[in-house]
Amino acid sequence: MVAKDANQRCALVVLADGFEEAEAIIFLSLLRQAGLYVKSVGLTSGLVGGAHGVWLMPDLTIANLDGPTDTTPISVVILPEGRQSLTRLEADPRVHRLLRRVVAQRGQIVTSSDGLQVVRAAGVLFNELGVIDDDRAMPVLLRKSEQSLETFARDLIRRLKWSPQTDRQKSRRVS
């Protein structure tokens, strides 16, 4: 696991029983390989069962989330697909508070169109189409159906590593 530094952005993958394993593992693996500070978060302590029988041990529970994220704003919360998982996330007021906190910090929520039910239940506002996928300041990022999960994850990594300072450094090298 990559150690967190003071300037590093935080990404969370929220897991509840019934999550789509491939989606959660691709996000966790690729974001960690890219050197980002990413944690998996379970609704309760202990193993979380995926939709197809794969079990994961989350790094944190939602109840003990505050300590590791007190000094680092959460840049993105990822809600993997899975009907049972999304239903559990939608019913949990702690998830609602987390999503509202992230949006208040100008962070983003990554989910599927099915996951918008969780975003709506949390009271996080987005445009009337429910599709906000191009502006860094918008709260919800949706993967387009024609886009592979791996490509979407890599685009998310680029988005998370982007900063105005990075753009200024690149432009200085070009000149």
C-alpha atoms as a PDB file:
ATOM      1  CA  MET A   1       0.000   0.000   0.000  1.00  0.00           C
ATOM      2  CA  VAL A   2       1.262   3.432  -0.917  1.00  0.00           C
ATOM      3  CA  ALA A   3       1.819   5.758   2.019  1.00  0.00           C
ATOM      4  CA  LYS A   4      -0.286   8.910   2.086  1.00  0.00           C
ATOM      5  CA  ASP A   5       1.438  12.278   1.803  1.00  0.00           C
ATOM      6  CA  ALA A   6      -0.147  15.586   2.760  1.00  0.00           C
ATOM      7  CA  ASN A   7      -0.891  16.616  -0.857  1.00  0.00           C
ATOM      8  CA  GLN A   8      -2.334  13.307  -1.995  1.00  0.00           C
ATOM      9  CA  ARG A   9      -6.001  13.011  -2.861  1.00  0.00           C
ATOM     10  CA  CYS A  10      -8.115  10.342  -1.207  1.00  0.00           C
ATOM     11  CA  ALA A  11     -10.371   7.902  -3.066  1.00  0.00           C
ATOM     12  CA  LEU A  12     -12.842   5.569  -1.374  1.00  0.00           C
ATOM     13  CA  VAL A  13     -14.498   2.438  -2.777  1.00  0.00           C
ATOM     14  CA  VAL A  14     -17.622   1.747  -0.711  1.00  0.00           C
ATOM     15  CA  LEU A  15     -18.544  -1.933  -0.433  1.00  0.00           C
ATOM     16  CA  ALA A  16     -21.752  -3.584   0.754  1.00  0.00           C
ATOM     17  CA  ASP A  17     -22.822  -7.201   0.380  1.00  0.00           C
ATOM     18  CA  GLY A  18     -23.749  -7.910  -3.224  1.00  0.00           C
ATOM     19  CA  PHE A  19     -21.180  -5.546  -4.842  1.00  0.00           C
ATOM     20  CA  GLU A  20     -19.851  -6.292  -8.325  1.00  0.00           C
ATOM     21  CA  GLU A  21     -16.439  -7.794  -7.638  1.00  0.00           C
ATOM     22  CA  ALA A  22     -14.819  -7.046 -11.005  1.00  0.00           C
ATOM     23  CA  GLU A  23     -15.684  -3.363 -10.761  1.00  0.00           C
ATOM     24  CA  ALA A  24     -14.450  -2.970  -7.181  1.00  0.00           C
ATOM     25  CA  ILE A  25     -11.227  -4.873  -7.814  1.00  0.00           C
ATOM     26  CA  ILE A  26     -10.422  -2.992 -11.040  1.00  0.00           C
ATOM     27  CA  PHE A  27     -10.848   0.370  -9.312  1.00  0.00           C
ATOM     28  CA  LEU A  28      -8.884  -0.645  -6.212  1.00  0.00           C
ATOM     29  CA  SER A  29      -6.088  -2.238  -8.211  1.00  0.00           C
ATOM     30  CA  LEU A  30      -5.623   0.425 -10.895  1.00  0.00           C
ATOM     31  CA  LEU A  31      -5.891   3.398  -8.524  1.00  0.00           C
ATOM     32  CA  ARG A  32      -3.366   1.826  -6.138  1.00  0.00           C
ATOM     33  CA  GLN A  33      -1.008   0.940  -9.003  1.00  0.00           C
ATOM     34  CA  ALA A  34      -1.176   4.592 -10.064  1.00  0.00           C
ATOM     35  CA  GLY A  35       0.061   5.625  -6.609  1.00  0.00           C
ATOM     36  CA  LEU A  36      -3.218   7.136  -5.441  1.00  0.00           C
ATOM     37  CA  TYR A  37      -4.345   6.913  -1.818  1.00  0.00           C
ATOM     38  CA  VAL A  38      -7.365   4.619  -2.051  1.00  0.00           C
ATOM     39  CA  LYS A  39      -9.226   2.765   0.662  1.00  0.00           C
ATOM     40  CA  SER A  40     -12.036   0.246   0.548  1.00  0.00           C
ATOM     41  CA  VAL A  41     -14.819   1.006   3.025  1.00  0.00           C
ATOM     42  CA  GLY A  42     -17.350  -1.499   4.338  1.00  0.00           C
ATOM     43  CA  LEU A  43     -20.635  -0.728   6.010  1.00  0.00           C
ATOM     44  CA  THR A  44     -19.702  -3.098   8.848  1.00  0.00           C
ATOM     45  CA  SER A  45     -16.507  -4.725  10.067  1.00  0.00           C
ATOM     46  CA  GLY A  46     -15.471  -8.041   8.576  1.00  0.00           C
ATOM     47  CA  LEU A  47     -15.630  -9.576   5.144  1.00  0.00           C
ATOM     48  CA  VAL A  48     -18.024  -8.233   2.511  1.00  0.00           C
ATOM     49  CA  GLY A  49     -19.526 -10.719   0.060  1.00  0.00           C
ATOM     50  CA  GLY A  50     -19.634  -9.906  -3.611  1.00  0.00           C
ATOM     51  CA  ALA A  51     -22.426 -10.731  -6.045  1.00  0.00           C
ATOM     52  CA  HIS A  52     -20.566 -13.806  -7.341  1.00  0.00           C
ATOM     53  CA  GLY A  53     -19.112 -15.255  -4.151  1.00  0.00           C
ATOM     54  CA  VAL A  54     -15.831 -13.303  -3.888  1.00  0.00           C
ATOM     55  CA  TRP A  55     -15.209 -11.893  -0.409  1.00  0.00           C
ATOM     56  CA  LEU A  56     -13.154  -8.781   0.349  1.00  0.00           C
ATOM     57  CA  MET A  57     -11.891  -7.406   3.648  1.00  0.00           C
ATOM     58  CA  PRO A  58     -12.368  -3.612   3.545  1.00  0.00           C
ATOM     59  CA  ASP A  59      -9.551  -1.393   4.815  1.00  0.00           C
ATOM     60  CA  LEU A  60     -11.990   0.617   6.958  1.00  0.00           C
ATOM     61  CA  THR A  61     -15.583   0.667   8.071  1.00  0.00           C
ATOM     62  CA  ILE A  62     -17.760   3.659   7.462  1.00  0.00           C
ATOM     63  CA  ALA A  63     -17.996   4.096  11.249  1.00  0.00           C
ATOM     64  CA  ASN A  64     -14.206   4.632  11.582  1.00  0.00           C
ATOM     65  CA  LEU A  65     -13.743   6.624   8.389  1.00  0.00           C
ATOM     66  CA  ASP A  66     -13.149  10.036   9.932  1.00  0.00           C
ATOM     67  CA  GLY A  67      -9.626   9.473  11.311  1.00  0.00           C
ATOM     68  CA  PRO A  68      -7.845   8.638   8.021  1.00  0.00           C
ATOM     69  CA  THR A  69      -9.697  11.336   6.061  1.00  0.00           C
ATOM     70  CA  ASP A  70      -9.603  14.209   8.586  1.00  0.00           C
ATOM     71  CA  THR A  71      -6.562  15.885   7.025  1.00  0.00           C
ATOM     72  CA  THR A  72      -7.098  14.785   3.433  1.00  0.00           C
ATOM     73  CA  PRO A  73     -10.295  15.759   1.617  1.00  0.00           C
ATOM     74  CA  ILE A  74     -11.988  12.885  -0.133  1.00  0.00           C
ATOM     75  CA  SER A  75     -11.673  13.509  -3.863  1.00  0.00           C
ATOM     76  CA  VAL A  76     -13.861  10.660  -5.038  1.00  0.00           C
ATOM     77  CA  VAL A  77     -16.221   8.024  -3.684  1.00  0.00           C
ATOM     78  CA  ILE A  78     -16.777   5.003  -5.916  1.00  0.00           C
ATOM     79  CA  LEU A  79     -20.019   3.056  -5.576  1.00  0.00           C
ATOM     80  CA  PRO A  80     -19.549  -0.244  -7.450  1.00  0.00           C
ATOM     81  CA  GLU A  81     -22.534  -1.783  -9.181  1.00  0.00           C
ATOM     82  CA  GLY A  82     -24.569  -4.620  -7.723  1.00  0.00           C
ATOM     83  CA  ARG A  83     -28.297  -4.373  -7.083  1.00  0.00           C
ATOM     84  CA  GLN A  84     -28.132  -5.718  -3.499  1.00  0.00           C
ATOM     85  CA  SER A  85     -25.144  -3.533  -2.672  1.00  0.00           C
ATOM     86  CA  LEU A  86     -26.718  -0.370  -4.046  1.00  0.00           C
ATOM     87  CA  THR A  87     -29.947  -1.082  -2.143  1.00  0.00           C
ATOM     88  CA  ARG A  88     -27.949  -1.401   1.090  1.00  0.00           C
ATOM     89  CA  LEU A  89     -26.007   1.812   0.352  1.00  0.00           C
ATOM     90  CA  GLU A  90     -29.222   3.653  -0.466  1.00  0.00           C
ATOM     91  CA  ALA A  91     -30.741   2.670   2.894  1.00  0.00           C
ATOM     92  CA  ASP A  92     -27.732   3.714   5.000  1.00  0.00           C
ATOM     93  CA  PRO A  93     -27.803   7.311   6.326  1.00  0.00           C
ATOM     94  CA  ARG A  94     -24.024   7.155   6.963  1.00  0.00           C
ATOM     95  CA  VAL A  95     -23.505   6.729   3.212  1.00  0.00           C
ATOM     96  CA  HIS A  96     -25.771   9.728   2.589  1.00  0.00           C
ATOM     97  CA  ARG A  97     -23.691  11.853   4.992  1.00  0.00           C
ATOM     98  CA  LEU A  98     -20.467  10.685   3.313  1.00  0.00           C
ATOM     99  CA  LEU A  99     -21.728  11.595  -0.165  1.00  0.00           C
ATOM    100  CA  ARG A 100     -22.945  15.018   0.967  1.00  0.00           C
ATOM    101  CA  ARG A 101     -19.582  15.636   2.682  1.00  0.00           C
ATOM    102  CA  VAL A 102     -17.644  14.709  -0.457  1.00  0.00           C
ATOM    103  CA  VAL A 103     -19.743  16.969  -2.685  1.00  0.00           C
ATOM    104  CA  ALA A 104     -19.402  19.817  -0.148  1.00  0.00           C
ATOM    105  CA  GLN A 105     -15.602  19.373  -0.430  1.00  0.00           C
ATOM    106  CA  ARG A 106     -15.951  19.592  -4.249  1.00  0.00           C
ATOM    107  CA  GLY A 107     -15.258  15.881  -4.586  1.00  0.00           C
ATOM    108  CA  GLN A 108     -17.010  13.518  -6.944  1.00  0.00           C
ATOM    109  CA  ILE A 109     -19.097  10.359  -6.856  1.00  0.00           C
ATOM    110  CA  VAL A 110     -18.438   7.593  -9.380  1.00  0.00           C
ATOM    111  CA  THR A 111     -21.323   5.232  -9.995  1.00  0.00           C
ATOM    112  CA  SER A 112     -23.473   3.567 -12.625  1.00  0.00           C
ATOM    113  CA  SER A 113     -26.889   4.768 -13.738  1.00  0.00           C
ATOM    114  CA  ASP A 114     -28.324   2.262 -11.223  1.00  0.00           C
ATOM    115  CA  GLY A 115     -26.200   3.889  -8.517  1.00  0.00           C
ATOM    116  CA  LEU A 116     -27.913   7.219  -9.060  1.00  0.00           C
ATOM    117  CA  GLN A 117     -30.595   5.897  -6.676  1.00  0.00           C
ATOM    118  CA  VAL A 118     -28.027   6.171  -3.866  1.00  0.00           C
ATOM    119  CA  VAL A 119     -27.045   9.690  -4.930  1.00  0.00           C
ATOM    120  CA  ARG A 120     -30.697  10.766  -5.060  1.00  0.00           C
ATOM    121  CA  ALA A 121     -31.406   9.239  -1.633  1.00  0.00           C
ATOM    122  CA  ALA A 122     -28.450  11.195  -0.230  1.00  0.00           C
ATOM    123  CA  GLY A 123     -29.930  14.431  -1.534  1.00  0.00           C
ATOM    124  CA  VAL A 124     -26.924  15.210  -3.721  1.00  0.00           C
ATOM    125  CA  LEU A 125     -28.058  17.407  -6.583  1.00  0.00           C
ATOM    126  CA  PHE A 126     -27.070  16.987 -10.207  1.00  0.00           C
ATOM    127  CA  ASN A 127     -28.518  18.109 -13.508  1.00  0.00           C
ATOM    128  CA  GLU A 128     -31.941  16.954 -14.660  1.00  0.00           C
ATOM    129  CA  LEU A 129     -30.417  14.428 -17.074  1.00  0.00           C
ATOM    130  CA  GLY A 130     -28.475  12.715 -14.316  1.00  0.00           C
ATOM    131  CA  VAL A 131     -25.409  12.656 -16.538  1.00  0.00           C
ATOM    132  CA  ILE A 132     -22.488  14.779 -15.472  1.00  0.00           C
ATOM    133  CA  ASP A 133     -19.329  13.386 -16.953  1.00  0.00           C
ATOM    134  CA  ASP A 134     -17.135  16.090 -18.449  1.00  0.00           C
ATOM    135  CA  ASP A 135     -16.627  18.859 -15.913  1.00  0.00           C
ATOM    136  CA  ARG A 136     -14.174  18.376 -13.046  1.00  0.00           C
ATOM    137  CA  ALA A 137     -16.423  20.483 -10.793  1.00  0.00           C
ATOM    138  CA  MET A 138     -19.537  18.322 -11.242  1.00  0.00           C
ATOM    139  CA  PRO A 139     -20.377  15.859  -8.485  1.00  0.00           C
ATOM    140  CA  VAL A 140     -21.392  12.675 -10.360  1.00  0.00           C
ATOM    141  CA  LEU A 141     -19.331  10.758 -12.904  1.00  0.00           C
ATOM    142  CA  LEU A 142     -21.039   8.015 -14.904  1.00  0.00           C
ATOM    143  CA  ARG A 143     -19.363   5.452 -17.116  1.00  0.00           C
ATOM    144  CA  LYS A 144     -20.755   5.462 -20.628  1.00  0.00           C
ATOM    145  CA  SER A 145     -22.085   2.048 -21.645  1.00  0.00           C
ATOM    146  CA  GLU A 146     -19.663   1.815 -24.589  1.00  0.00           C
ATOM    147  CA  GLN A 147     -16.641   2.581 -22.398  1.00  0.00           C
ATOM    148  CA  SER A 148     -14.798  -0.338 -20.827  1.00  0.00           C
ATOM    149  CA  LEU A 149     -14.408  -0.369 -17.072  1.00  0.00           C
ATOM    150  CA  GLU A 150     -10.617  -0.324 -17.364  1.00  0.00           C
ATOM    151  CA  THR A 151     -10.648   2.701 -19.711  1.00  0.00           C
ATOM    152  CA  PHE A 152     -13.039   4.509 -17.390  1.00  0.00           C
ATOM    153  CA  ALA A 153     -10.794   3.737 -14.382  1.00  0.00           C
ATOM    154  CA  ARG A 154      -7.739   5.054 -16.237  1.00  0.00           C
ATOM    155  CA  ASP A 155      -9.644   8.250 -17.157  1.00  0.00           C
ATOM    156  CA  LEU A 156     -10.560   8.625 -13.491  1.00  0.00           C
ATOM    157  CA  ILE A 157      -6.888   8.256 -12.532  1.00  0.00           C
ATOM    158  CA  ARG A 158      -5.936  11.044 -14.956  1.00  0.00           C
ATOM    159  CA  ARG A 159      -8.710  13.207 -13.509  1.00  0.00           C
ATOM    160  CA  LEU A 160      -7.514  12.556  -9.941  1.00  0.00           C
ATOM    161  CA  LYS A 161      -3.894  13.288 -10.789  1.00  0.00           C
ATOM    162  CA  TRP A 162      -4.824  16.507 -12.609  1.00  0.00           C
ATOM    163  CA  SER A 163      -4.362  19.799 -10.860  1.00  0.00           C
ATOM    164  CA  PRO A 164      -3.845  23.398 -12.021  1.00  0.00           C
ATOM    165  CA  GLN A 165      -0.252  23.083 -10.798  1.00  0.00           C
ATOM    166  CA  THR A 166       0.277  19.984 -12.975  1.00  0.00           C
ATOM    167  CA  ASP A 167      -1.001  21.897 -16.021  1.00  0.00           C
ATOM    168  CA  ARG A 168       1.328  24.831 -15.283  1.00  0.00           C
ATOM    169  CA  GLN A 169       4.325  22.480 -14.943  1.00  0.00           C
ATOM    170  CA  LYS A 170       3.484  20.795 -18.280  1.00  0.00           C
ATOM    171  CA  SER A 171       3.143  24.155 -20.065  1.00  0.00           C
ATOM    172  CA  ARG A 172       6.539  25.294 -18.721  1.00  0.00           C
ATOM    173  CA  ARG A 173       8.192  22.157 -20.126  1.00  0.00           C
ATOM    174  CA  VAL A 174       6.640  22.758 -23.554  1.00  0.00           C
ATOM    175  CA  SER A 175       7.793  26.388 -23.822  1.00  0.00           C
END
